[in-house]
Amino acid sequence: MPVSIKPSLSGFFAGSNPAPPLHLGTRYDTAGNFLFEPGNTVVCHLAGGAASEAAVIDVREQM
């Protein structure tokens, strides 16, 4: 089944913009890995009971 795409989004399609992404080399590398940069934020789910959840809760309680 074909999917209808808004024309206003076409500039974001892979291959439609010959310029490199604006933050390539500062926020992420050519493989798509995030680089350390002040202000970078990664949002993800926390697994209940995991060490990562405990670390986030600890930091939040200290704020």
PDB file of N, CA and C in Angstrom:
ATOM      1  N   MET A   1       0.844  -1.175   0.000  1.00  0.00           N
ATOM      2  CA  MET A   1       0.000   0.000   0.000  1.00  0.00           C
ATOM      3  C   MET A   1       0.891   1.240   0.000  1.00  0.00           C
ATOM      4  N   PRO A   2       0.770   2.123  -0.983  1.00  0.00           N
ATOM      5  CA  PRO A   2       1.584   3.344  -1.032  1.00  0.00           C
ATOM      6  C   PRO A   2       1.265   4.271   0.133  1.00  0.00           C
ATOM      7  N   VAL A   3       2.288   4.960   0.582  1.00  0.00           N
ATOM      8  CA  VAL A   3       2.131   5.901   1.688  1.00  0.00           C
ATOM      9  C   VAL A   3       2.207   7.314   1.133  1.00  0.00           C
ATOM     10  N   SER A   4       1.276   8.144   1.532  1.00  0.00           N
ATOM     11  CA  SER A   4       1.265   9.536   1.096  1.00  0.00           C
ATOM     12  C   SER A   4       2.183  10.353   2.000  1.00  0.00           C
ATOM     13  N   ILE A   5       3.092  11.099   1.403  1.00  0.00           N
ATOM     14  CA  ILE A   5       4.045  11.924   2.151  1.00  0.00           C
ATOM     15  C   ILE A   5       3.786  13.389   1.824  1.00  0.00           C
ATOM     16  N   LYS A   6       3.801  14.216   2.844  1.00  0.00           N
ATOM     17  CA  LYS A   6       3.623  15.656   2.634  1.00  0.00           C
ATOM     18  C   LYS A   6       4.805  16.210   1.838  1.00  0.00           C
ATOM     19  N   PRO A   7       4.554  17.001   0.806  1.00  0.00           N
ATOM     20  CA  PRO A   7       5.648  17.599   0.024  1.00  0.00           C
ATOM     21  C   PRO A   7       6.592  18.444   0.870  1.00  0.00           C
ATOM     22  N   SER A   8       6.098  19.043   1.959  1.00  0.00           N
ATOM     23  CA  SER A   8       6.951  19.884   2.805  1.00  0.00           C
ATOM     24  C   SER A   8       8.050  19.081   3.501  1.00  0.00           C
ATOM     25  N   LEU A   9       7.903  17.765   3.549  1.00  0.00           N
ATOM     26  CA  LEU A   9       8.910  16.917   4.199  1.00  0.00           C
ATOM     27  C   LEU A   9       9.968  16.407   3.227  1.00  0.00           C
ATOM     28  N   SER A  10       9.802  16.661   1.945  1.00  0.00           N
ATOM     29  CA  SER A  10      10.703  16.087   0.945  1.00  0.00           C
ATOM     30  C   SER A  10      12.160  16.522   1.120  1.00  0.00           C
ATOM     31  N   GLY A  11      12.411  17.679   1.692  1.00  0.00           N
ATOM     32  CA  GLY A  11      13.779  18.140   1.907  1.00  0.00           C
ATOM     33  C   GLY A  11      14.542  17.327   2.928  1.00  0.00           C
ATOM     34  N   PHE A  12      13.825  16.503   3.693  1.00  0.00           N
ATOM     35  CA  PHE A  12      14.466  15.688   4.725  1.00  0.00           C
ATOM     36  C   PHE A  12      14.749  14.269   4.256  1.00  0.00           C
ATOM     37  N   PHE A  13      14.335  13.907   3.047  1.00  0.00           N
ATOM     38  CA  PHE A  13      14.544  12.556   2.542  1.00  0.00           C
ATOM     39  C   PHE A  13      16.021  12.323   2.251  1.00  0.00           C
ATOM     40  N   ALA A  14      16.479  11.117   2.488  1.00  0.00           N
ATOM     41  CA  ALA A  14      17.862  10.760   2.159  1.00  0.00           C
ATOM     42  C   ALA A  14      18.084  10.951   0.668  1.00  0.00           C
ATOM     43  N   GLY A  15      19.134  11.646   0.320  1.00  0.00           N
ATOM     44  CA  GLY A  15      19.473  11.850  -1.077  1.00  0.00           C
ATOM     45  C   GLY A  15      18.835  13.059  -1.721  1.00  0.00           C
ATOM     46  N   SER A  16      17.935  13.738  -1.018  1.00  0.00           N
ATOM     47  CA  SER A  16      17.266  14.889  -1.633  1.00  0.00           C
ATOM     48  C   SER A  16      17.993  16.202  -1.365  1.00  0.00           C
ATOM     49  N   ASN A  17      18.949  16.184  -0.454  1.00  0.00           N
ATOM     50  CA  ASN A  17      19.696  17.388  -0.111  1.00  0.00           C
ATOM     51  C   ASN A  17      21.184  17.050  -0.207  1.00  0.00           C
ATOM     52  N   PRO A  18      21.905  17.621  -1.169  1.00  0.00           N
ATOM     53  CA  PRO A  18      23.318  17.262  -1.352  1.00  0.00           C
ATOM     54  C   PRO A  18      24.250  17.768  -0.248  1.00  0.00           C
ATOM     55  N   ALA A  19      23.812  18.723   0.555  1.00  0.00           N
ATOM     56  CA  ALA A  19      24.662  19.259   1.624  1.00  0.00           C
ATOM     57  C   ALA A  19      24.741  18.259   2.778  1.00  0.00           C
ATOM     58  N   PRO A  20      25.897  18.200   3.459  1.00  0.00           N
ATOM     59  CA  PRO A  20      25.978  17.315   4.628  1.00  0.00           C
ATOM     60  C   PRO A  20      25.074  17.846   5.742  1.00  0.00           C
ATOM     61  N   PRO A  21      24.618  16.974   6.626  1.00  0.00           N
ATOM     62  CA  PRO A  21      23.787  17.427   7.741  1.00  0.00           C
ATOM     63  C   PRO A  21      24.501  18.512   8.548  1.00  0.00           C
ATOM     64  N   LEU A  22      23.740  19.447   9.046  1.00  0.00           N
ATOM     65  CA  LEU A  22      24.277  20.611   9.747  1.00  0.00           C
ATOM     66  C   LEU A  22      25.226  20.247  10.889  1.00  0.00           C
ATOM     67  N   HIS A  23      24.884  19.241  11.680  1.00  0.00           N
ATOM     68  CA  HIS A  23      25.674  18.930  12.878  1.00  0.00           C
ATOM     69  C   HIS A  23      26.596  17.721  12.700  1.00  0.00           C
ATOM     70  N   LEU A  24      26.828  17.315  11.459  1.00  0.00           N
ATOM     71  CA  LEU A  24      27.740  16.206  11.204  1.00  0.00           C
ATOM     72  C   LEU A  24      29.140  16.582  11.683  1.00  0.00           C
ATOM     73  N   GLY A  25      29.714  15.738  12.511  1.00  0.00           N
ATOM     74  CA  GLY A  25      31.051  15.987  13.037  1.00  0.00           C
ATOM     75  C   GLY A  25      31.065  16.680  14.383  1.00  0.00           C
ATOM     76  N   THR A  26      29.930  17.249  14.797  1.00  0.00           N
ATOM     77  CA  THR A  26      29.871  17.870  16.120  1.00  0.00           C
ATOM     78  C   THR A  26      28.912  17.122  17.038  1.00  0.00           C
ATOM     79  N   ARG A  27      27.732  16.779  16.540  1.00  0.00           N
ATOM     80  CA  ARG A  27      26.765  16.037  17.356  1.00  0.00           C
ATOM     81  C   ARG A  27      26.808  14.544  17.079  1.00  0.00           C
ATOM     82  N   TYR A  28      27.158  14.172  15.862  1.00  0.00           N
ATOM     83  CA  TYR A  28      27.252  12.762  15.495  1.00  0.00           C
ATOM     84  C   TYR A  28      28.262  12.606  14.369  1.00  0.00           C
ATOM     85  N   ASP A  29      28.772  11.375  14.246  1.00  0.00           N
ATOM     86  CA  ASP A  29      29.763  11.114  13.200  1.00  0.00           C
ATOM     87  C   ASP A  29      29.086  10.543  11.958  1.00  0.00           C
ATOM     88  N   THR A  30      29.893  10.205  10.947  1.00  0.00           N
ATOM     89  CA  THR A  30      29.332   9.722   9.682  1.00  0.00           C
ATOM     90  C   THR A  30      28.627   8.376   9.820  1.00  0.00           C
ATOM     91  N   ALA A  31      28.901   7.642  10.893  1.00  0.00           N
ATOM     92  CA  ALA A  31      28.223   6.367  11.134  1.00  0.00           C
ATOM     93  C   ALA A  31      26.919   6.561  11.903  1.00  0.00           C
ATOM     94  N   GLY A  32      26.638   7.803  12.336  1.00  0.00           N
ATOM     95  CA  GLY A  32      25.418   8.074  13.087  1.00  0.00           C
ATOM     96  C   GLY A  32      25.575   7.952  14.588  1.00  0.00           C
ATOM     97  N   ASN A  33      26.810   7.765  15.055  1.00  0.00           N
ATOM     98  CA  ASN A  33      27.065   7.670  16.496  1.00  0.00           C
ATOM     99  C   ASN A  33      27.085   9.060  17.109  1.00  0.00           C
ATOM    100  N   PHE A  34      26.433   9.207  18.257  1.00  0.00           N
ATOM    101  CA  PHE A  34      26.443  10.491  18.943  1.00  0.00           C
ATOM    102  C   PHE A  34      27.836  10.795  19.469  1.00  0.00           C
ATOM    103  N   LEU A  35      28.248  12.043  19.345  1.00  0.00           N
ATOM    104  CA  LEU A  35      29.526  12.509  19.865  1.00  0.00           C
ATOM    105  C   LEU A  35      29.274  13.311  21.130  1.00  0.00           C
ATOM    106  N   PHE A  36      30.278  13.403  21.967  1.00  0.00           N
ATOM    107  CA  PHE A  36      30.149  14.196  23.183  1.00  0.00           C
ATOM    108  C   PHE A  36      30.185  15.668  22.815  1.00  0.00           C
ATOM    109  N   GLU A  37      29.145  16.382  23.159  1.00  0.00           N
ATOM    110  CA  GLU A  37      29.043  17.814  22.904  1.00  0.00           C
ATOM    111  C   GLU A  37      28.156  18.398  23.990  1.00  0.00           C
ATOM    112  N   PRO A  38      28.561  19.495  24.609  1.00  0.00           N
ATOM    113  CA  PRO A  38      27.701  20.110  25.617  1.00  0.00           C
ATOM    114  C   PRO A  38      26.318  20.393  25.035  1.00  0.00           C
ATOM    115  N   GLY A  39      25.307  19.953  25.739  1.00  0.00           N
ATOM    116  CA  GLY A  39      23.942  20.200  25.301  1.00  0.00           C
ATOM    117  C   GLY A  39      23.301  19.049  24.563  1.00  0.00           C
ATOM    118  N   ASN A  40      24.078  18.031  24.182  1.00  0.00           N
ATOM    119  CA  ASN A  40      23.472  16.869  23.529  1.00  0.00           C
ATOM    120  C   ASN A  40      22.541  16.178  24.513  1.00  0.00           C
ATOM    121  N   THR A  41      21.377  15.832  24.059  1.00  0.00           N
ATOM    122  CA  THR A  41      20.409  15.132  24.885  1.00  0.00           C
ATOM    123  C   THR A  41      19.956  13.887  24.145  1.00  0.00           C
ATOM    124  N   VAL A  42      19.990  12.763  24.821  1.00  0.00           N
ATOM    125  CA  VAL A  42      19.481  11.520  24.252  1.00  0.00           C
ATOM    126  C   VAL A  42      18.316  11.084  25.121  1.00  0.00           C
ATOM    127  N   VAL A  43      17.176  10.884  24.509  1.00  0.00           N
ATOM    128  CA  VAL A  43      15.981  10.469  25.235  1.00  0.00           C
ATOM    129  C   VAL A  43      15.729   9.003  24.927  1.00  0.00           C
ATOM    130  N   CYS A  44      15.558   8.203  25.971  1.00  0.00           N
ATOM    131  CA  CYS A  44      15.271   6.786  25.769  1.00  0.00           C
ATOM    132  C   CYS A  44      14.503   6.264  26.980  1.00  0.00           C
ATOM    133  N   HIS A  45      13.954   5.086  26.824  1.00  0.00           N
ATOM    134  CA  HIS A  45      13.243   4.449  27.926  1.00  0.00           C
ATOM    135  C   HIS A  45      14.260   3.884  28.911  1.00  0.00           C
ATOM    136  N   LEU A  46      13.873   3.849  30.179  1.00  0.00           N
ATOM    137  CA  LEU A  46      14.709   3.231  31.199  1.00  0.00           C
ATOM    138  C   LEU A  46      14.088   1.895  31.574  1.00  0.00           C
ATOM    139  N   ALA A  47      14.901   0.881  31.625  1.00  0.00           N
ATOM    140  CA  ALA A  47      14.423  -0.438  32.024  1.00  0.00           C
ATOM    141  C   ALA A  47      14.288  -0.468  33.538  1.00  0.00           C
ATOM    142  N   GLY A  48      13.115  -0.835  34.010  1.00  0.00           N
ATOM    143  CA  GLY A  48      12.868  -0.899  35.448  1.00  0.00           C
ATOM    144  C   GLY A  48      13.834  -1.836  36.142  1.00  0.00           C
ATOM    145  N   GLY A  49      14.451  -1.360  37.204  1.00  0.00           N
ATOM    146  CA  GLY A  49      15.379  -2.168  37.975  1.00  0.00           C
ATOM    147  C   GLY A  49      16.798  -2.189  37.441  1.00  0.00           C
ATOM    148  N   ALA A  50      17.032  -1.559  36.298  1.00  0.00           N
ATOM    149  CA  ALA A  50      18.376  -1.553  35.708  1.00  0.00           C
ATOM    150  C   ALA A  50      19.266  -0.529  36.407  1.00  0.00           C
ATOM    151  N   ALA A  51      20.572  -0.716  36.274  1.00  0.00           N
ATOM    152  CA  ALA A  51      21.525   0.222  36.868  1.00  0.00           C
ATOM    153  C   ALA A  51      21.345   1.622  36.289  1.00  0.00           C
ATOM    154  N   SER A  52      20.979   1.706  35.009  1.00  0.00           N
ATOM    155  CA  SER A  52      20.775   3.024  34.390  1.00  0.00           C
ATOM    156  C   SER A  52      19.596   3.752  35.028  1.00  0.00           C
ATOM    157  N   GLU A  53      18.550   3.020  35.367  1.00  0.00           N
ATOM    158  CA  GLU A  53      17.401   3.641  36.032  1.00  0.00           C
ATOM    159  C   GLU A  53      17.813   4.172  37.400  1.00  0.00           C
ATOM    160  N   ALA A  54      18.567   3.391  38.148  1.00  0.00           N
ATOM    161  CA  ALA A  54      19.017   3.814  39.475  1.00  0.00           C
ATOM    162  C   ALA A  54      19.887   5.058  39.383  1.00  0.00           C
ATOM    163  N   ALA A  55      20.747   5.125  38.371  1.00  0.00           N
ATOM    164  CA  ALA A  55      21.622   6.288  38.206  1.00  0.00           C
ATOM    165  C   ALA A  55      20.814   7.540  37.901  1.00  0.00           C
ATOM    166  N   VAL A  56      19.817   7.419  37.033  1.00  0.00           N
ATOM    167  CA  VAL A  56      18.985   8.581  36.687  1.00  0.00           C
ATOM    168  C   VAL A  56      18.182   9.038  37.899  1.00  0.00           C
ATOM    169  N   ILE A  57      17.629   8.113  38.642  1.00  0.00           N
ATOM    170  CA  ILE A  57      16.868   8.470  39.844  1.00  0.00           C
ATOM    171  C   ILE A  57      17.773   9.154  40.854  1.00  0.00           C
ATOM    172  N   ASP A  58      18.994   8.648  41.024  1.00  0.00           N
ATOM    173  CA  ASP A  58      19.946   9.253  41.958  1.00  0.00           C
ATOM    174  C   ASP A  58      20.259  10.693  41.568  1.00  0.00           C
ATOM    175  N   VAL A  59      20.526  10.926  40.290  1.00  0.00           N
ATOM    176  CA  VAL A  59      20.822  12.289  39.824  1.00  0.00           C
ATOM    177  C   VAL A  59      19.610  13.185  40.017  1.00  0.00           C
ATOM    178  N   ARG A  60      18.433  12.687  39.669  1.00  0.00           N
ATOM    179  CA  ARG A  60      17.208  13.481  39.799  1.00  0.00           C
ATOM    180  C   ARG A  60      16.965  13.879  41.253  1.00  0.00           C
ATOM    181  N   GLU A  61      17.220  12.972  42.184  1.00  0.00           N
ATOM    182  CA  GLU A  61      17.013  13.276  43.603  1.00  0.00           C
ATOM    183  C   GLU A  61      18.009  14.313  44.113  1.00  0.00           C
ATOM    184  N   GLN A  62      19.172  14.413  43.475  1.00  0.00           N
ATOM    185  CA  GLN A  62      20.179  15.383  43.896  1.00  0.00           C
ATOM    186  C   GLN A  62      19.924  16.777  43.340  1.00  0.00           C
ATOM    187  N   MET A  63      19.029  16.875  42.369  1.00  0.00           N
ATOM    188  CA  MET A  63      18.768  18.174  41.733  1.00  0.00           C
ATOM    189  C   MET A  63      17.878  19.043  42.601  1.00  0.00           C
TER     190      MET A  63
END
